Amino acid sequence: MTELAVITPSWRPDAELFAQLHRSVLEHTSDDTVHHVIVPAAHRSTFAEYAGPRCRIWTHPELIPRRYWRMPGGVWVNAARPWPPVRGWVMQQAAKIAAAGTIDADVMLLADSDAVLVRPVDTGRFKVDGRLSLMREDKAVTAEMERHVLWHRVARELLGLPAAPPPPLPDYVGPLVFWDPAVVRAMQARISETTGRSWLDAFTSQLHISEFIVYGVFADEALETPPAPSPPACHNWYERTPLDHGSAAAFADRLGPDPIGVMISSHSDTPPDVRRAAIEHCLRAAGG
């Protein structure tokens, strides 16, 4: 068993972003760390060049039971319960949970394609008394964040927990998030116990759900001892407006001492040269 595995769901349109992330994983993690990329079966050839000792390519059929069929338009159908169909985004989350509960490593780092590591990954920095900490932003989910509030409600229903108090609520979503695979497996078992169904069927039956919220709520509210809060792992640009060279430099200057990576959202439409400059600036700021 290795100490760390990195898991990234991706697809063909994000191949260039994945390439940047993968290079950073090779540079900033130990030689026995494997980068696991989960892609649609039809996109496997796009990622084939990365396959090797430090990258394993998974397709959804390798992680999801054969009763799930992928249909045109990116939706899935569960033959055991065909309605409603499973949205592609929900299936991607389910595959991520399945991988995190299966891969043989002590710690999972879930990394979005548009994130990049800029510092060495030392899992010890994200543990307290030998136990993995939890990415949690207290009071970050406000009443105006209706989708996040819905995710909290769905998570508690799946886990058999009391309804959430009124917002603000904690947020557990991020582009670089550490998970404990033992907690993932306990979460799967709890969902099955609560719903009387396989965790996968219960999870994918939801129209609106967040794997990060389900994991975070489970760790915080269902474990006998909740994990300690984690230092921030990622410095993020979530805005839908593109960075220019000036704002990219200002973004990099705000990196701070804790994050091991940066994320510039692909939805910001930041030009590739500006993105590269921002990452290089962050690497210098991180001492890399």
C-alpha atoms as a PDB file:
ATOM      1  CA  MET A   1       0.000   0.000   0.000  1.00  0.00           C
ATOM      2  CA  THR A   2       1.274   3.464  -0.896  1.00  0.00           C
ATOM      3  CA  GLU A   3       0.825   6.593   1.192  1.00  0.00           C
ATOM      4  CA  LEU A   4      -0.864   8.725  -1.470  1.00  0.00           C
ATOM      5  CA  ALA A   5      -2.923   8.313  -4.619  1.00  0.00           C
ATOM      6  CA  VAL A   6      -4.230  11.170  -6.766  1.00  0.00           C
ATOM      7  CA  ILE A   7      -7.661  10.838  -8.423  1.00  0.00           C
ATOM      8  CA  THR A   8      -8.814  13.045 -11.304  1.00  0.00           C
ATOM      9  CA  PRO A   9     -12.021  12.671 -13.307  1.00  0.00           C
ATOM     10  CA  SER A  10     -11.473  14.144 -16.758  1.00  0.00           C
ATOM     11  CA  TRP A  11     -12.601  14.021 -20.372  1.00  0.00           C
ATOM     12  CA  ARG A  12     -11.324  14.888 -23.830  1.00  0.00           C
ATOM     13  CA  PRO A  13     -12.049  18.661 -23.764  1.00  0.00           C
ATOM     14  CA  ASP A  14      -9.898  18.977 -20.603  1.00  0.00           C
ATOM     15  CA  ALA A  15      -6.953  16.932 -21.931  1.00  0.00           C
ATOM     16  CA  GLU A  16      -4.580  19.908 -22.100  1.00  0.00           C
ATOM     17  CA  LEU A  17      -5.453  20.975 -18.566  1.00  0.00           C
ATOM     18  CA  PHE A  18      -4.993  17.399 -17.366  1.00  0.00           C
ATOM     19  CA  ALA A  19      -1.530  17.315 -18.970  1.00  0.00           C
ATOM     20  CA  GLN A  20      -0.469  20.333 -16.876  1.00  0.00           C
ATOM     21  CA  LEU A  21      -1.891  18.777 -13.713  1.00  0.00           C
ATOM     22  CA  HIS A  22      -0.234  15.426 -14.402  1.00  0.00           C
ATOM     23  CA  ARG A  23       3.180  17.025 -14.920  1.00  0.00           C
ATOM     24  CA  SER A  24       2.789  18.740 -11.566  1.00  0.00           C
ATOM     25  CA  VAL A  25       1.799  15.446  -9.893  1.00  0.00           C
ATOM     26  CA  LEU A  26       4.954  13.801 -11.235  1.00  0.00           C
ATOM     27  CA  GLU A  27       7.038  16.702  -9.969  1.00  0.00           C
ATOM     28  CA  HIS A  28       5.484  17.264  -6.554  1.00  0.00           C
ATOM     29  CA  THR A  29       4.593  13.784  -5.292  1.00  0.00           C
ATOM     30  CA  SER A  30       6.730  10.794  -4.338  1.00  0.00           C
ATOM     31  CA  ASP A  31       7.878   8.257  -6.916  1.00  0.00           C
ATOM     32  CA  ASP A  32       5.366   5.660  -5.672  1.00  0.00           C
ATOM     33  CA  THR A  33       2.372   8.006  -6.021  1.00  0.00           C
ATOM     34  CA  VAL A  34       0.057   6.979  -8.867  1.00  0.00           C
ATOM     35  CA  HIS A  35      -2.198   9.449 -10.651  1.00  0.00           C
ATOM     36  CA  HIS A  36      -5.534   7.765 -11.381  1.00  0.00           C
ATOM     37  CA  VAL A  37      -7.539   9.450 -14.143  1.00  0.00           C
ATOM     38  CA  ILE A  38     -11.182   8.462 -14.693  1.00  0.00           C
ATOM     39  CA  VAL A  39     -12.504   9.101 -18.214  1.00  0.00           C
ATOM     40  CA  PRO A  40     -15.403   8.027 -20.432  1.00  0.00           C
ATOM     41  CA  ALA A  41     -14.575   4.837 -22.325  1.00  0.00           C
ATOM     42  CA  ALA A  42     -14.763   6.697 -25.649  1.00  0.00           C
ATOM     43  CA  HIS A  43     -12.069   9.153 -24.453  1.00  0.00           C
ATOM     44  CA  ARG A  44      -9.531   6.588 -23.264  1.00  0.00           C
ATOM     45  CA  SER A  45      -7.312   6.912 -26.352  1.00  0.00           C
ATOM     46  CA  THR A  46      -6.872  10.647 -25.690  1.00  0.00           C
ATOM     47  CA  PHE A  47      -5.226   9.862 -22.350  1.00  0.00           C
ATOM     48  CA  ALA A  48      -3.393   6.677 -23.416  1.00  0.00           C
ATOM     49  CA  GLU A  49      -0.029   8.457 -23.661  1.00  0.00           C
ATOM     50  CA  TYR A  50       0.021   8.964 -19.876  1.00  0.00           C
ATOM     51  CA  ALA A  51      -0.477   5.301 -18.972  1.00  0.00           C
ATOM     52  CA  GLY A  52       2.469   3.860 -17.090  1.00  0.00           C
ATOM     53  CA  PRO A  53       3.829   3.165 -13.610  1.00  0.00           C
ATOM     54  CA  ARG A  54       2.681   6.550 -12.323  1.00  0.00           C
ATOM     55  CA  CYS A  55      -0.609   6.928 -14.166  1.00  0.00           C
ATOM     56  CA  ARG A  56      -3.509   4.501 -14.353  1.00  0.00           C
ATOM     57  CA  ILE A  57      -6.370   5.228 -16.710  1.00  0.00           C
ATOM     58  CA  TRP A  58      -9.796   4.074 -15.535  1.00  0.00           C
ATOM     59  CA  THR A  59     -12.956   4.127 -17.610  1.00  0.00           C
ATOM     60  CA  HIS A  60     -16.389   4.319 -16.054  1.00  0.00           C
ATOM     61  CA  PRO A  61     -17.285   0.678 -16.931  1.00  0.00           C
ATOM     62  CA  GLU A  62     -14.267  -0.471 -14.857  1.00  0.00           C
ATOM     63  CA  LEU A  63     -15.664   1.227 -11.751  1.00  0.00           C
ATOM     64  CA  ILE A  64     -19.431   1.053 -12.275  1.00  0.00           C
ATOM     65  CA  PRO A  65     -21.488  -2.199 -12.418  1.00  0.00           C
ATOM     66  CA  ARG A  66     -22.628  -3.434 -15.813  1.00  0.00           C
ATOM     67  CA  ARG A  67     -26.275  -2.738 -14.992  1.00  0.00           C
ATOM     68  CA  TYR A  68     -25.495   0.915 -15.773  1.00  0.00           C
ATOM     69  CA  TRP A  69     -25.664   1.757 -19.463  1.00  0.00           C
ATOM     70  CA  ARG A  70     -24.347   4.937 -20.998  1.00  0.00           C
ATOM     71  CA  MET A  71     -26.860   6.499 -23.387  1.00  0.00           C
ATOM     72  CA  PRO A  72     -26.509   9.173 -26.093  1.00  0.00           C
ATOM     73  CA  GLY A  73     -26.233  12.664 -24.641  1.00  0.00           C
ATOM     74  CA  GLY A  74     -23.995  11.635 -21.747  1.00  0.00           C
ATOM     75  CA  VAL A  75     -26.728  10.290 -19.450  1.00  0.00           C
ATOM     76  CA  TRP A  76     -26.777   6.821 -17.899  1.00  0.00           C
ATOM     77  CA  VAL A  77     -29.560   4.370 -17.188  1.00  0.00           C
ATOM     78  CA  ASN A  78     -29.594   1.954 -14.274  1.00  0.00           C
ATOM     79  CA  ALA A  79     -31.244  -1.190 -15.655  1.00  0.00           C
ATOM     80  CA  ALA A  80     -32.427  -2.068 -12.162  1.00  0.00           C
ATOM     81  CA  ARG A  81     -34.242   1.291 -11.879  1.00  0.00           C
ATOM     82  CA  PRO A  82     -34.371   3.070 -15.252  1.00  0.00           C
ATOM     83  CA  TRP A  83     -36.097   6.252 -14.106  1.00  0.00           C
ATOM     84  CA  PRO A  84     -34.885   8.863 -13.606  1.00  0.00           C
ATOM     85  CA  PRO A  85     -31.788   8.550 -15.808  1.00  0.00           C
ATOM     86  CA  VAL A  86     -28.457   9.315 -14.170  1.00  0.00           C
ATOM     87  CA  ARG A  87     -26.906  12.632 -15.139  1.00  0.00           C
ATOM     88  CA  GLY A  88     -23.328  12.433 -16.406  1.00  0.00           C
ATOM     89  CA  TRP A  89     -22.124  14.776 -13.654  1.00  0.00           C
ATOM     90  CA  VAL A  90     -23.638  12.508 -10.987  1.00  0.00           C
ATOM     91  CA  MET A  91     -22.058   9.424 -12.556  1.00  0.00           C
ATOM     92  CA  GLN A  92     -18.668  11.146 -12.566  1.00  0.00           C
ATOM     93  CA  GLN A  93     -19.039  11.766  -8.826  1.00  0.00           C
ATOM     94  CA  ALA A  94     -20.080   8.163  -8.213  1.00  0.00           C
ATOM     95  CA  ALA A  95     -17.076   6.852 -10.141  1.00  0.00           C
ATOM     96  CA  LYS A  96     -14.831   9.079  -8.033  1.00  0.00           C
ATOM     97  CA  ILE A  97     -16.287   7.633  -4.808  1.00  0.00           C
ATOM     98  CA  ALA A  98     -15.946   4.092  -6.160  1.00  0.00           C
ATOM     99  CA  ALA A  99     -12.292   4.684  -7.020  1.00  0.00           C
ATOM    100  CA  ALA A 100     -11.526   6.275  -3.650  1.00  0.00           C
ATOM    101  CA  GLY A 101     -12.956   3.240  -1.874  1.00  0.00           C
ATOM    102  CA  THR A 102     -11.076   0.778  -4.083  1.00  0.00           C
ATOM    103  CA  ILE A 103      -7.558   2.114  -4.736  1.00  0.00           C
ATOM    104  CA  ASP A 104      -4.906   0.781  -2.359  1.00  0.00           C
ATOM    105  CA  ALA A 105      -3.461   3.870  -0.677  1.00  0.00           C
ATOM    106  CA  ASP A 106      -3.632   5.479   2.749  1.00  0.00           C
ATOM    107  CA  VAL A 107      -4.696   8.906   1.494  1.00  0.00           C
ATOM    108  CA  MET A 108      -6.588  10.038  -1.602  1.00  0.00           C
ATOM    109  CA  LEU A 109      -6.065  13.473  -3.118  1.00  0.00           C
ATOM    110  CA  LEU A 110      -9.012  14.371  -5.344  1.00  0.00           C
ATOM    111  CA  ALA A 111      -7.730  16.831  -7.942  1.00  0.00           C
ATOM    112  CA  ASP A 112      -9.771  18.653 -10.579  1.00  0.00           C
ATOM    113  CA  SER A 113      -8.292  18.887 -14.064  1.00  0.00           C
ATOM    114  CA  ASP A 114      -7.944  22.665 -13.823  1.00  0.00           C
ATOM    115  CA  ALA A 115      -5.822  22.460 -10.653  1.00  0.00           C
ATOM    116  CA  VAL A 116      -2.006  22.351 -10.613  1.00  0.00           C
ATOM    117  CA  LEU A 117       0.345  21.405  -7.778  1.00  0.00           C
ATOM    118  CA  VAL A 118       2.949  24.034  -6.934  1.00  0.00           C
ATOM    119  CA  ARG A 119       4.447  22.562  -3.748  1.00  0.00           C
ATOM    120  CA  PRO A 120       5.517  19.071  -2.673  1.00  0.00           C
ATOM    121  CA  VAL A 121       2.614  17.075  -1.260  1.00  0.00           C
ATOM    122  CA  ASP A 122       3.393  16.089   2.305  1.00  0.00           C
ATOM    123  CA  THR A 123       0.339  14.287   3.666  1.00  0.00           C
ATOM    124  CA  GLY A 124       1.685  14.720   7.191  1.00  0.00           C
ATOM    125  CA  ARG A 125       0.865  18.429   6.964  1.00  0.00           C
ATOM    126  CA  PHE A 126      -2.776  17.461   6.540  1.00  0.00           C
ATOM    127  CA  LYS A 127      -2.949  15.098   9.503  1.00  0.00           C
ATOM    128  CA  VAL A 128      -3.559  15.760  13.193  1.00  0.00           C
ATOM    129  CA  ASP A 129      -2.356  13.071  15.621  1.00  0.00           C
ATOM    130  CA  GLY A 130      -1.914  10.737  12.665  1.00  0.00           C
ATOM    131  CA  ARG A 131      -5.478  11.237  11.419  1.00  0.00           C
ATOM    132  CA  LEU A 132      -6.337  12.910   8.117  1.00  0.00           C
ATOM    133  CA  SER A 133      -7.950  16.319   8.539  1.00  0.00           C
ATOM    134  CA  LEU A 134     -11.067  17.506   6.712  1.00  0.00           C
ATOM    135  CA  MET A 135     -11.384  20.331   4.200  1.00  0.00           C
ATOM    136  CA  ARG A 136     -14.072  22.462   5.827  1.00  0.00           C
ATOM    137  CA  GLU A 137     -14.950  26.130   5.379  1.00  0.00           C
ATOM    138  CA  ASP A 138     -17.173  27.013   8.296  1.00  0.00           C
ATOM    139  CA  LYS A 139     -20.217  29.193   7.580  1.00  0.00           C
ATOM    140  CA  ALA A 140     -19.277  29.406   3.896  1.00  0.00           C
ATOM    141  CA  VAL A 141     -22.641  28.177   2.532  1.00  0.00           C
ATOM    142  CA  THR A 142     -25.143  31.010   2.776  1.00  0.00           C
ATOM    143  CA  ALA A 143     -28.889  30.965   2.123  1.00  0.00           C
ATOM    144  CA  GLU A 144     -28.301  32.507  -1.307  1.00  0.00           C
ATOM    145  CA  MET A 145     -26.271  29.437  -2.345  1.00  0.00           C
ATOM    146  CA  GLU A 146     -29.405  27.422  -3.062  1.00  0.00           C
ATOM    147  CA  ARG A 147     -27.633  24.543  -4.781  1.00  0.00           C
ATOM    148  CA  HIS A 148     -25.227  24.033  -1.870  1.00  0.00           C
ATOM    149  CA  VAL A 149     -28.138  24.162   0.601  1.00  0.00           C
ATOM    150  CA  LEU A 150     -29.903  21.489  -1.469  1.00  0.00           C
ATOM    151  CA  TRP A 151     -26.739  19.361  -1.455  1.00  0.00           C
ATOM    152  CA  HIS A 152     -26.689  19.532   2.334  1.00  0.00           C
ATOM    153  CA  ARG A 153     -30.311  18.393   2.531  1.00  0.00           C
ATOM    154  CA  VAL A 154     -29.741  15.469   0.158  1.00  0.00           C
ATOM    155  CA  ALA A 155     -26.569  14.399   1.983  1.00  0.00           C
ATOM    156  CA  ARG A 156     -28.387  14.193   5.308  1.00  0.00           C
ATOM    157  CA  GLU A 157     -31.263  12.244   3.778  1.00  0.00           C
ATOM    158  CA  LEU A 158     -28.858   9.675   2.294  1.00  0.00           C
ATOM    159  CA  LEU A 159     -26.981   9.378   5.576  1.00  0.00           C
ATOM    160  CA  GLY A 160     -30.045   9.232   7.826  1.00  0.00           C
ATOM    161  CA  LEU A 161     -29.070  12.363   9.713  1.00  0.00           C
ATOM    162  CA  PRO A 162     -31.297  15.124  11.097  1.00  0.00           C
ATOM    163  CA  ALA A 163     -32.055  18.073   8.840  1.00  0.00           C
ATOM    164  CA  ALA A 164     -29.422  20.780   8.688  1.00  0.00           C
ATOM    165  CA  PRO A 165     -29.866  23.955  10.729  1.00  0.00           C
ATOM    166  CA  PRO A 166     -30.528  27.157   8.798  1.00  0.00           C
ATOM    167  CA  PRO A 167     -27.550  28.568   6.866  1.00  0.00           C
ATOM    168  CA  PRO A 168     -24.773  29.461   7.103  1.00  0.00           C
ATOM    169  CA  LEU A 169     -23.459  25.906   6.745  1.00  0.00           C
ATOM    170  CA  PRO A 170     -19.974  24.479   6.238  1.00  0.00           C
ATOM    171  CA  ASP A 171     -18.631  23.957   2.721  1.00  0.00           C
ATOM    172  CA  TYR A 172     -16.551  20.904   1.841  1.00  0.00           C
ATOM    173  CA  VAL A 173     -16.150  21.460  -1.907  1.00  0.00           C
ATOM    174  CA  GLY A 174     -12.758  22.181  -3.461  1.00  0.00           C
ATOM    175  CA  PRO A 175     -10.513  21.456  -6.441  1.00  0.00           C
ATOM    176  CA  LEU A 176      -7.869  19.753  -4.249  1.00  0.00           C
ATOM    177  CA  VAL A 177      -9.407  17.742  -1.414  1.00  0.00           C
ATOM    178  CA  PHE A 178      -7.923  14.953   0.711  1.00  0.00           C
ATOM    179  CA  TRP A 179     -10.101  11.944   1.541  1.00  0.00           C
ATOM    180  CA  ASP A 180      -9.506   9.026   3.885  1.00  0.00           C
ATOM    181  CA  PRO A 181     -10.459   5.803   2.012  1.00  0.00           C
ATOM    182  CA  ALA A 182     -11.554   4.160   5.281  1.00  0.00           C
ATOM    183  CA  VAL A 183     -14.018   7.026   5.773  1.00  0.00           C
ATOM    184  CA  VAL A 184     -15.183   6.613   2.163  1.00  0.00           C
ATOM    185  CA  ARG A 185     -15.970   2.938   2.745  1.00  0.00           C
ATOM    186  CA  ALA A 186     -17.768   3.721   6.013  1.00  0.00           C
ATOM    187  CA  MET A 187     -19.785   6.381   4.161  1.00  0.00           C
ATOM    188  CA  GLN A 188     -20.752   3.862   1.471  1.00  0.00           C
ATOM    189  CA  ALA A 189     -21.888   1.403   4.147  1.00  0.00           C
ATOM    190  CA  ARG A 190     -23.913   4.104   5.931  1.00  0.00           C
ATOM    191  CA  ILE A 191     -25.753   5.058   2.739  1.00  0.00           C
ATOM    192  CA  SER A 192     -26.582   1.407   2.061  1.00  0.00           C
ATOM    193  CA  GLU A 193     -27.765   0.891   5.638  1.00  0.00           C
ATOM    194  CA  THR A 194     -29.910   4.034   5.615  1.00  0.00           C
ATOM    195  CA  THR A 195     -31.520   3.533   2.208  1.00  0.00           C
ATOM    196  CA  GLY A 196     -31.717  -0.255   2.048  1.00  0.00           C
ATOM    197  CA  ARG A 197     -30.085  -0.119  -1.392  1.00  0.00           C
ATOM    198  CA  SER A 198     -26.545  -0.267  -2.701  1.00  0.00           C
ATOM    199  CA  TRP A 199     -24.789   3.002  -1.988  1.00  0.00           C
ATOM    200  CA  LEU A 200     -24.279   3.472  -5.722  1.00  0.00           C
ATOM    201  CA  ASP A 201     -27.947   3.086  -6.640  1.00  0.00           C
ATOM    202  CA  ALA A 202     -28.992   5.416  -3.821  1.00  0.00           C
ATOM    203  CA  PHE A 203     -26.389   8.013  -4.784  1.00  0.00           C
ATOM    204  CA  THR A 204     -27.081   7.976  -8.526  1.00  0.00           C
ATOM    205  CA  SER A 205     -30.848   8.200  -8.001  1.00  0.00           C
ATOM    206  CA  GLN A 206     -30.379  11.813  -6.904  1.00  0.00           C
ATOM    207  CA  LEU A 207     -30.852  14.619  -9.417  1.00  0.00           C
ATOM    208  CA  HIS A 208     -28.801  17.060  -7.337  1.00  0.00           C
ATOM    209  CA  ILE A 209     -25.929  15.892  -5.161  1.00  0.00           C
ATOM    210  CA  SER A 210     -22.325  16.713  -4.249  1.00  0.00           C
ATOM    211  CA  GLU A 211     -19.884  13.953  -3.346  1.00  0.00           C
ATOM    212  CA  PHE A 212     -17.838  16.458  -1.338  1.00  0.00           C
ATOM    213  CA  ILE A 213     -20.828  17.530   0.744  1.00  0.00           C
ATOM    214  CA  VAL A 214     -21.858  13.910   1.381  1.00  0.00           C
ATOM    215  CA  TYR A 215     -18.324  13.006   2.501  1.00  0.00           C
ATOM    216  CA  GLY A 216     -17.936  16.149   4.602  1.00  0.00           C
ATOM    217  CA  VAL A 217     -21.304  15.837   6.337  1.00  0.00           C
ATOM    218  CA  PHE A 218     -20.623  12.147   7.039  1.00  0.00           C
ATOM    219  CA  ALA A 219     -17.176  12.859   8.491  1.00  0.00           C
ATOM    220  CA  ASP A 220     -18.424  15.776  10.585  1.00  0.00           C
ATOM    221  CA  GLU A 221     -21.730  14.371  11.813  1.00  0.00           C
ATOM    222  CA  ALA A 222     -21.680  10.559  11.576  1.00  0.00           C
ATOM    223  CA  LEU A 223     -18.198   9.678  12.772  1.00  0.00           C
ATOM    224  CA  GLU A 224     -17.767   9.262  16.511  1.00  0.00           C
ATOM    225  CA  THR A 225     -14.958  11.833  16.461  1.00  0.00           C
ATOM    226  CA  PRO A 226     -15.041  14.395  13.643  1.00  0.00           C
ATOM    227  CA  PRO A 227     -11.711  15.110  11.918  1.00  0.00           C
ATOM    228  CA  ALA A 228      -9.813  18.287  12.639  1.00  0.00           C
ATOM    229  CA  PRO A 229     -10.160  21.067  10.036  1.00  0.00           C
ATOM    230  CA  SER A 230      -7.568  21.028   7.270  1.00  0.00           C
ATOM    231  CA  PRO A 231      -5.304  23.889   6.255  1.00  0.00           C
ATOM    232  CA  PRO A 232      -6.256  25.207   2.805  1.00  0.00           C
ATOM    233  CA  ALA A 233      -4.890  22.927   0.094  1.00  0.00           C
ATOM    234  CA  CYS A 234      -5.630  25.103  -2.940  1.00  0.00           C
ATOM    235  CA  HIS A 235      -5.512  28.765  -3.913  1.00  0.00           C
ATOM    236  CA  ASN A 236      -8.507  29.326  -6.182  1.00  0.00           C
ATOM    237  CA  TRP A 237      -9.780  31.599  -8.944  1.00  0.00           C
ATOM    238  CA  TYR A 238     -13.476  30.716  -9.256  1.00  0.00           C
ATOM    239  CA  GLU A 239     -14.558  33.886 -11.046  1.00  0.00           C
ATOM    240  CA  ARG A 240     -16.202  33.607 -14.466  1.00  0.00           C
ATOM    241  CA  THR A 241     -14.113  36.545 -15.706  1.00  0.00           C
ATOM    242  CA  PRO A 242     -10.674  35.914 -17.253  1.00  0.00           C
ATOM    243  CA  LEU A 243      -7.435  36.890 -15.617  1.00  0.00           C
ATOM    244  CA  ASP A 244      -5.071  39.207 -17.443  1.00  0.00           C
ATOM    245  CA  HIS A 245      -1.353  39.430 -16.718  1.00  0.00           C
ATOM    246  CA  GLY A 246      -1.827  42.054 -14.026  1.00  0.00           C
ATOM    247  CA  SER A 247      -4.633  40.301 -12.167  1.00  0.00           C
ATOM    248  CA  ALA A 248      -2.849  36.944 -12.602  1.00  0.00           C
ATOM    249  CA  ALA A 249       0.226  38.325 -10.860  1.00  0.00           C
ATOM    250  CA  ALA A 250      -1.944  39.748  -8.075  1.00  0.00           C
ATOM    251  CA  PHE A 251      -3.676  36.364  -7.733  1.00  0.00           C
ATOM    252  CA  ALA A 252      -0.311  34.602  -7.464  1.00  0.00           C
ATOM    253  CA  ASP A 253       0.895  37.095  -4.858  1.00  0.00           C
ATOM    254  CA  ARG A 254      -1.991  36.003  -2.617  1.00  0.00           C
ATOM    255  CA  LEU A 255      -0.878  32.347  -2.611  1.00  0.00           C
ATOM    256  CA  GLY A 256      -0.054  32.135   1.091  1.00  0.00           C
ATOM    257  CA  PRO A 257       2.125  29.560   2.885  1.00  0.00           C
ATOM    258  CA  ASP A 258      -0.304  26.613   3.142  1.00  0.00           C
ATOM    259  CA  PRO A 259      -1.746  25.712  -0.298  1.00  0.00           C
ATOM    260  CA  ILE A 260      -0.024  22.958  -2.239  1.00  0.00           C
ATOM    261  CA  GLY A 261      -1.796  23.883  -5.466  1.00  0.00           C
ATOM    262  CA  VAL A 262      -3.645  26.510  -7.434  1.00  0.00           C
ATOM    263  CA  MET A 263      -6.814  26.371  -9.501  1.00  0.00           C
ATOM    264  CA  ILE A 264      -7.772  28.794 -12.243  1.00  0.00           C
ATOM    265  CA  SER A 265     -11.244  27.778 -13.332  1.00  0.00           C
ATOM    266  CA  SER A 266     -11.595  26.694 -16.942  1.00  0.00           C
ATOM    267  CA  HIS A 267     -14.903  28.592 -16.908  1.00  0.00           C
ATOM    268  CA  SER A 268     -12.997  31.860 -16.461  1.00  0.00           C
ATOM    269  CA  ASP A 269     -11.748  31.641 -20.067  1.00  0.00           C
ATOM    270  CA  THR A 270      -8.326  32.841 -18.931  1.00  0.00           C
ATOM    271  CA  PRO A 271      -5.998  32.787 -21.972  1.00  0.00           C
ATOM    272  CA  PRO A 272      -3.470  29.909 -21.893  1.00  0.00           C
ATOM    273  CA  ASP A 273      -0.448  32.235 -21.815  1.00  0.00           C
ATOM    274  CA  VAL A 274      -1.884  34.134 -18.837  1.00  0.00           C
ATOM    275  CA  ARG A 275      -2.681  30.866 -17.079  1.00  0.00           C
ATOM    276  CA  ARG A 276       0.900  29.649 -17.597  1.00  0.00           C
ATOM    277  CA  ALA A 277       2.289  32.946 -16.328  1.00  0.00           C
ATOM    278  CA  ALA A 278       0.097  32.801 -13.218  1.00  0.00           C
ATOM    279  CA  ILE A 279       1.208  29.232 -12.465  1.00  0.00           C
ATOM    280  CA  GLU A 280       4.879  30.110 -12.979  1.00  0.00           C
ATOM    281  CA  HIS A 281       4.447  33.096 -10.647  1.00  0.00           C
ATOM    282  CA  CYS A 282       2.831  30.813  -8.040  1.00  0.00           C
ATOM    283  CA  LEU A 283       5.699  28.328  -8.377  1.00  0.00           C
ATOM    284  CA  ARG A 284       8.200  31.111  -7.699  1.00  0.00           C
ATOM    285  CA  ALA A 285       6.151  32.322  -4.753  1.00  0.00           C
ATOM    286  CA  ALA A 286       6.028  28.749  -3.424  1.00  0.00           C
ATOM    287  CA  GLY A 287       9.772  28.377  -3.830  1.00  0.00           C
ATOM    288  CA  GLY A 288       9.375  25.812  -6.616  1.00  0.00           C
END
